[in-house]
Amino acid sequence: MPGGDFARLELPGGGGFGPPAERDPEQVAADVMDGLYTSDIALNQYPVALAADGTVNRERTAAIAIAARRRITPHHTICTP
């Protein structure tokens, strides 16, 4: 590359901070509307369910979150002396 020239690379997303499932669903919807990723990615990675108009389907999102917690939360029996 000749001196004085520069290259600019812009990529959507990033490493993020914290678990994806804890991200604000409205922010996920805004990112989908901005074209940063698809509604399928929002559903499978975050998990946020979107309606056809791009708004958050709160009922379905809540149900998915409950199901996800059940899959990853171990069931323990706590015995006390």
C-alpha atoms as a PDB file:
ATOM      1  CA  MET A   1       0.000   0.000   0.000  1.00  0.00           C
ATOM      2  CA  PRO A   2       1.530   3.360  -0.952  1.00  0.00           C
ATOM      3  CA  GLY A   3       2.563   5.746   1.839  1.00  0.00           C
ATOM      4  CA  GLY A   4      -0.190   8.112   2.920  1.00  0.00           C
ATOM      5  CA  ASP A   5      -2.961   5.658   1.980  1.00  0.00           C
ATOM      6  CA  PHE A   6      -5.015   3.895   4.580  1.00  0.00           C
ATOM      7  CA  ALA A   7      -7.426   0.989   4.788  1.00  0.00           C
ATOM      8  CA  ARG A   8     -10.557   0.976   6.889  1.00  0.00           C
ATOM      9  CA  LEU A   9     -12.279  -2.237   7.895  1.00  0.00           C
ATOM     10  CA  GLU A  10     -15.662  -2.152   9.618  1.00  0.00           C
ATOM     11  CA  LEU A  11     -17.183  -5.317  11.001  1.00  0.00           C
ATOM     12  CA  PRO A  12     -20.526  -5.834  12.714  1.00  0.00           C
ATOM     13  CA  GLY A  13     -20.538  -7.165  16.234  1.00  0.00           C
ATOM     14  CA  GLY A  14     -17.664  -7.819  18.500  1.00  0.00           C
ATOM     15  CA  GLY A  15     -16.623  -9.837  21.496  1.00  0.00           C
ATOM     16  CA  GLY A  16     -19.387  -8.354  23.568  1.00  0.00           C
ATOM     17  CA  PHE A  17     -19.627  -8.230  27.321  1.00  0.00           C
ATOM     18  CA  GLY A  18     -21.419 -10.838  29.389  1.00  0.00           C
ATOM     19  CA  PRO A  19     -23.689 -13.676  28.350  1.00  0.00           C
ATOM     20  CA  PRO A  20     -25.588 -13.030  25.094  1.00  0.00           C
ATOM     21  CA  ALA A  21     -28.855 -14.155  26.706  1.00  0.00           C
ATOM     22  CA  GLU A  22     -28.623 -11.188  29.108  1.00  0.00           C
ATOM     23  CA  ARG A  23     -28.545  -8.596  26.329  1.00  0.00           C
ATOM     24  CA  ASP A  24     -31.448  -6.137  26.176  1.00  0.00           C
ATOM     25  CA  PRO A  25     -33.948  -7.579  23.660  1.00  0.00           C
ATOM     26  CA  GLU A  26     -34.682  -4.081  22.315  1.00  0.00           C
ATOM     27  CA  GLN A  27     -30.996  -3.620  21.471  1.00  0.00           C
ATOM     28  CA  VAL A  28     -30.954  -6.986  19.707  1.00  0.00           C
ATOM     29  CA  ALA A  29     -34.011  -5.914  17.678  1.00  0.00           C
ATOM     30  CA  ALA A  30     -32.320  -2.607  16.810  1.00  0.00           C
ATOM     31  CA  ASP A  31     -29.211  -4.453  15.603  1.00  0.00           C
ATOM     32  CA  VAL A  32     -31.365  -6.671  13.372  1.00  0.00           C
ATOM     33  CA  MET A  33     -33.140  -3.588  11.977  1.00  0.00           C
ATOM     34  CA  ASP A  34     -29.706  -2.040  11.286  1.00  0.00           C
ATOM     35  CA  GLY A  35     -28.711  -5.151   9.332  1.00  0.00           C
ATOM     36  CA  LEU A  36     -25.968  -6.247  11.727  1.00  0.00           C
ATOM     37  CA  TYR A  37     -27.419  -9.745  11.834  1.00  0.00           C
ATOM     38  CA  THR A  38     -30.578 -11.661  10.987  1.00  0.00           C
ATOM     39  CA  SER A  39     -33.609 -12.522  13.074  1.00  0.00           C
ATOM     40  CA  ASP A  40     -32.438 -16.160  12.981  1.00  0.00           C
ATOM     41  CA  ILE A  41     -29.169 -15.141  14.635  1.00  0.00           C
ATOM     42  CA  ALA A  42     -31.116 -13.047  17.175  1.00  0.00           C
ATOM     43  CA  LEU A  43     -33.196 -16.112  18.011  1.00  0.00           C
ATOM     44  CA  ASN A  44     -30.398 -18.661  18.139  1.00  0.00           C
ATOM     45  CA  GLN A  45     -27.593 -16.608  19.672  1.00  0.00           C
ATOM     46  CA  TYR A  46     -29.209 -14.165  22.099  1.00  0.00           C
ATOM     47  CA  PRO A  47     -32.131 -15.645  22.274  1.00  0.00           C
ATOM     48  CA  VAL A  48     -34.634 -12.987  21.232  1.00  0.00           C
ATOM     49  CA  ALA A  49     -37.735 -13.786  19.180  1.00  0.00           C
ATOM     50  CA  LEU A  50     -38.820 -11.059  16.786  1.00  0.00           C
ATOM     51  CA  ALA A  51     -42.226 -10.477  15.229  1.00  0.00           C
ATOM     52  CA  ALA A  52     -42.596 -10.070  11.470  1.00  0.00           C
ATOM     53  CA  ASP A  53     -42.411  -6.271  11.866  1.00  0.00           C
ATOM     54  CA  GLY A  54     -39.063  -6.526  13.700  1.00  0.00           C
ATOM     55  CA  THR A  55     -40.356  -5.773  17.183  1.00  0.00           C
ATOM     56  CA  VAL A  56     -39.583  -8.032  20.125  1.00  0.00           C
ATOM     57  CA  ASN A  57     -42.086 -10.842  20.630  1.00  0.00           C
ATOM     58  CA  ARG A  58     -41.913 -10.633  24.425  1.00  0.00           C
ATOM     59  CA  GLU A  59     -44.057 -13.693  25.164  1.00  0.00           C
ATOM     60  CA  ARG A  60     -42.028 -15.982  22.918  1.00  0.00           C
ATOM     61  CA  THR A  61     -38.717 -14.453  24.065  1.00  0.00           C
ATOM     62  CA  ALA A  62     -39.662 -15.105  27.709  1.00  0.00           C
ATOM     63  CA  ALA A  63     -40.643 -18.709  26.941  1.00  0.00           C
ATOM     64  CA  ILE A  64     -37.350 -19.314  25.121  1.00  0.00           C
ATOM     65  CA  ALA A  65     -35.380 -17.822  28.019  1.00  0.00           C
ATOM     66  CA  ILE A  66     -37.145 -20.092  30.520  1.00  0.00           C
ATOM     67  CA  ALA A  67     -36.442 -23.147  28.361  1.00  0.00           C
ATOM     68  CA  ALA A  68     -32.776 -22.126  27.979  1.00  0.00           C
ATOM     69  CA  ARG A  69     -32.344 -21.735  31.737  1.00  0.00           C
ATOM     70  CA  ARG A  70     -33.824 -25.185  32.281  1.00  0.00           C
ATOM     71  CA  ARG A  71     -31.308 -26.674  29.851  1.00  0.00           C
ATOM     72  CA  ILE A  72     -28.268 -25.085  31.485  1.00  0.00           C
ATOM     73  CA  THR A  73     -29.274 -24.992  35.157  1.00  0.00           C
ATOM     74  CA  PRO A  74     -28.267 -28.181  36.944  1.00  0.00           C
ATOM     75  CA  HIS A  75     -30.826 -29.650  39.281  1.00  0.00           C
ATOM     76  CA  HIS A  76     -29.343 -30.266  42.694  1.00  0.00           C
ATOM     77  CA  THR A  77     -30.821 -31.596  45.865  1.00  0.00           C
ATOM     78  CA  ILE A  78     -29.470 -29.693  48.806  1.00  0.00           C
ATOM     79  CA  CYS A  79     -29.216 -31.728  51.972  1.00  0.00           C
ATOM     80  CA  THR A  80     -28.658 -29.972  55.240  1.00  0.00           C
ATOM     81  CA  PRO A  81     -27.525 -31.748  58.391  1.00  0.00           C
END
